């Protein structure tokens, strides 16, 4: 399942900076737009994986994972 998110990006001097609107903490700074987009993608994936692991640990046992579309 792929999810779509919104990257806010801009050129700031010699650097490209950006963040993912829907994923707090997913931000990056790179020298090229392409590098920035890859770093943002990786940051969002890492943060979402951490949140997923935390949620599964919190559920402990006897839980059900149900896909939800919003």
N, C-alpha and C. Protein backbone atom coordinates (compact mmCIF):
# COMPACT_ATOMS: atom_id res chain seq x y z
N UNK A 1 0.85 -1.17 0.00
CA UNK A 1 0.00 0.00 0.00
C UNK A 1 0.90 1.24 0.00
N UNK A 2 0.65 2.12 -0.91
CA UNK A 2 1.39 3.37 -0.97
C UNK A 2 0.52 4.49 -0.43
N UNK A 3 1.15 5.38 0.27
CA UNK A 3 0.46 6.57 0.77
C UNK A 3 1.07 7.78 0.09
N UNK A 4 0.29 8.80 -0.02
CA UNK A 4 0.77 10.03 -0.64
C UNK A 4 0.77 11.14 0.40
N UNK A 5 1.88 11.88 0.44
CA UNK A 5 2.05 12.97 1.39
C UNK A 5 2.43 14.24 0.64
N UNK A 6 2.43 15.36 1.34
CA UNK A 6 2.73 16.64 0.72
C UNK A 6 4.07 17.17 1.23
N UNK A 7 5.01 17.36 0.32
CA UNK A 7 6.30 17.94 0.68
C UNK A 7 6.24 19.45 0.41
N UNK A 8 6.62 20.21 1.40
CA UNK A 8 6.77 21.66 1.25
C UNK A 8 8.26 21.89 1.04
N UNK A 9 8.65 22.42 -0.11
CA UNK A 9 10.06 22.61 -0.41
C UNK A 9 10.32 24.02 -0.91
N UNK A 10 11.54 24.49 -0.66
CA UNK A 10 11.92 25.79 -1.21
C UNK A 10 13.43 25.91 -1.25
N UNK A 11 13.89 26.75 -2.14
CA UNK A 11 15.31 27.07 -2.26
C UNK A 11 15.60 28.17 -1.26
N UNK A 12 16.64 27.97 -0.44
CA UNK A 12 17.02 28.96 0.57
C UNK A 12 18.52 29.19 0.44
N UNK A 13 18.88 30.21 -0.30
CA UNK A 13 20.30 30.45 -0.58
C UNK A 13 20.84 29.35 -1.46
N UNK A 14 21.91 28.70 -1.00
CA UNK A 14 22.51 27.60 -1.77
C UNK A 14 21.88 26.25 -1.46
N UNK A 15 20.91 26.21 -0.57
CA UNK A 15 20.34 24.96 -0.11
C UNK A 15 18.87 24.83 -0.49
N UNK A 16 18.42 23.59 -0.59
CA UNK A 16 17.00 23.27 -0.69
C UNK A 16 16.57 22.77 0.68
N UNK A 17 15.48 23.29 1.20
CA UNK A 17 14.96 22.83 2.48
C UNK A 17 13.51 22.38 2.30
N UNK A 18 13.08 21.48 3.16
CA UNK A 18 11.70 21.03 3.04
C UNK A 18 11.26 20.18 4.21
N UNK A 19 9.98 19.93 4.24
CA UNK A 19 9.38 19.11 5.27
C UNK A 19 8.13 18.46 4.71
N UNK A 20 7.69 17.40 5.38
CA UNK A 20 6.47 16.69 5.00
C UNK A 20 5.36 17.20 5.89
N UNK A 21 4.35 17.79 5.27
CA UNK A 21 3.23 18.39 5.99
C UNK A 21 2.60 17.45 7.02
N UNK A 22 2.37 16.22 6.61
CA UNK A 22 1.58 15.30 7.43
C UNK A 22 2.41 14.47 8.42
N UNK A 23 3.73 14.61 8.38
CA UNK A 23 4.59 13.79 9.24
C UNK A 23 5.50 14.70 10.06
N UNK A 24 5.07 15.06 11.26
CA UNK A 24 5.89 15.93 12.10
C UNK A 24 7.30 15.36 12.28
N UNK A 25 8.29 16.20 12.13
CA UNK A 25 9.67 15.79 12.29
C UNK A 25 10.35 15.36 11.02
N UNK A 26 9.59 15.15 9.94
CA UNK A 26 10.18 14.75 8.67
C UNK A 26 10.59 16.00 7.91
N UNK A 27 11.85 16.35 8.04
CA UNK A 27 12.36 17.53 7.36
C UNK A 27 13.79 17.26 6.92
N UNK A 28 14.28 18.07 5.99
CA UNK A 28 15.62 17.85 5.47
C UNK A 28 16.15 19.12 4.82
N UNK A 29 17.44 19.10 4.59
CA UNK A 29 18.14 20.18 3.90
C UNK A 29 19.19 19.52 3.02
N UNK A 30 19.19 19.86 1.75
CA UNK A 30 20.15 19.27 0.80
C UNK A 30 20.59 20.31 -0.21
N UNK A 31 21.62 19.99 -0.97
CA UNK A 31 22.13 20.93 -1.96
C UNK A 31 21.37 20.90 -3.28
N UNK A 32 20.67 19.80 -3.56
CA UNK A 32 19.87 19.75 -4.79
C UNK A 32 18.44 19.36 -4.46
N UNK A 33 17.55 19.71 -5.36
CA UNK A 33 16.13 19.38 -5.19
C UNK A 33 15.93 17.86 -5.14
N UNK A 34 16.65 17.15 -6.01
CA UNK A 34 16.52 15.70 -6.08
C UNK A 34 16.98 15.04 -4.78
N UNK A 35 18.12 15.51 -4.24
CA UNK A 35 18.61 14.98 -2.97
C UNK A 35 17.62 15.28 -1.85
N UNK A 36 17.04 16.47 -1.87
CA UNK A 36 16.07 16.84 -0.86
C UNK A 36 14.86 15.91 -0.89
N UNK A 37 14.34 15.65 -2.07
CA UNK A 37 13.17 14.78 -2.18
C UNK A 37 13.46 13.38 -1.66
N UNK A 38 14.65 12.86 -1.96
CA UNK A 38 15.03 11.53 -1.47
C UNK A 38 15.19 11.55 0.05
N UNK A 39 15.80 12.59 0.60
CA UNK A 39 15.96 12.69 2.05
C UNK A 39 14.62 12.81 2.77
N UNK A 40 13.70 13.58 2.19
CA UNK A 40 12.36 13.71 2.78
C UNK A 40 11.64 12.37 2.77
N UNK A 41 11.75 11.66 1.66
CA UNK A 41 11.12 10.34 1.55
C UNK A 41 11.67 9.40 2.63
N UNK A 42 12.98 9.38 2.78
CA UNK A 42 13.61 8.51 3.77
C UNK A 42 13.22 8.93 5.19
N UNK A 43 13.20 10.22 5.46
CA UNK A 43 12.83 10.71 6.79
C UNK A 43 11.40 10.31 7.14
N UNK A 44 10.48 10.48 6.21
CA UNK A 44 9.09 10.11 6.45
C UNK A 44 8.96 8.61 6.69
N UNK A 45 9.65 7.81 5.88
CA UNK A 45 9.60 6.35 6.06
C UNK A 45 10.14 5.95 7.43
N UNK A 46 11.24 6.55 7.84
CA UNK A 46 11.83 6.22 9.14
C UNK A 46 10.89 6.59 10.28
N UNK A 47 10.33 7.78 10.23
CA UNK A 47 9.43 8.22 11.31
C UNK A 47 8.18 7.36 11.36
N UNK A 48 7.61 7.04 10.22
CA UNK A 48 6.41 6.20 10.20
C UNK A 48 6.72 4.80 10.72
N UNK A 49 7.90 4.27 10.41
CA UNK A 49 8.29 2.94 10.91
C UNK A 49 8.42 2.97 12.43
N UNK A 50 8.99 4.03 12.96
CA UNK A 50 9.13 4.16 14.42
C UNK A 50 7.75 4.23 15.08
N UNK A 51 6.83 5.01 14.49
CA UNK A 51 5.48 5.10 15.04
C UNK A 51 4.76 3.76 14.98
N UNK A 52 4.95 3.04 13.88
CA UNK A 52 4.32 1.72 13.73
C UNK A 52 4.84 0.77 14.81
N UNK A 53 6.15 0.71 14.99
CA UNK A 53 6.73 -0.17 16.00
C UNK A 53 6.21 0.17 17.39
N UNK A 54 6.12 1.46 17.67
CA UNK A 54 5.60 1.90 18.97
C UNK A 54 4.15 1.48 19.16
N UNK A 55 3.35 1.64 18.11
CA UNK A 55 1.93 1.26 18.20
C UNK A 55 1.77 -0.23 18.42
N UNK A 56 2.58 -1.03 17.74
CA UNK A 56 2.49 -2.49 17.91
C UNK A 56 2.92 -2.90 19.31
N UNK A 57 3.96 -2.27 19.84
CA UNK A 57 4.39 -2.57 21.21
C UNK A 57 3.29 -2.19 22.21
N UNK A 58 2.63 -1.07 21.98
CA UNK A 58 1.58 -0.61 22.88
C UNK A 58 0.38 -1.55 22.86
N UNK A 59 0.10 -2.15 21.72
CA UNK A 59 -1.05 -3.05 21.60
C UNK A 59 -0.82 -4.37 22.33
N UNK A 60 0.42 -4.73 22.54
CA UNK A 60 0.84 -5.94 23.22
C UNK A 60 0.38 -7.21 22.52
N UNK A 61 -0.85 -7.66 22.74
CA UNK A 61 -1.31 -8.91 22.12
C UNK A 61 -2.81 -8.85 21.86
N UNK A 62 -3.30 -9.85 21.17
CA UNK A 62 -4.73 -9.97 20.86
C UNK A 62 -5.28 -8.73 20.17
N UNK A 63 -4.59 -8.25 19.16
CA UNK A 63 -5.07 -7.09 18.41
C UNK A 63 -5.22 -7.45 16.94
N UNK A 64 -5.90 -6.57 16.26
CA UNK A 64 -6.14 -6.75 14.83
C UNK A 64 -5.65 -5.52 14.10
N UNK A 65 -4.95 -5.73 12.98
CA UNK A 65 -4.53 -4.63 12.13
C UNK A 65 -5.51 -4.53 10.97
N UNK A 66 -6.13 -3.36 10.81
CA UNK A 66 -7.15 -3.17 9.80
C UNK A 66 -6.77 -1.96 8.93
N UNK A 67 -6.61 -2.16 7.62
CA UNK A 67 -6.29 -1.03 6.75
C UNK A 67 -7.44 -0.01 6.77
N UNK A 68 -7.09 1.25 6.72
CA UNK A 68 -8.10 2.30 6.70
C UNK A 68 -7.67 3.35 5.67
N UNK A 69 -8.61 3.76 4.87
CA UNK A 69 -8.34 4.81 3.88
C UNK A 69 -8.99 6.10 4.37
N UNK A 70 -8.27 7.20 4.21
CA UNK A 70 -8.83 8.48 4.62
C UNK A 70 -8.76 9.47 3.47
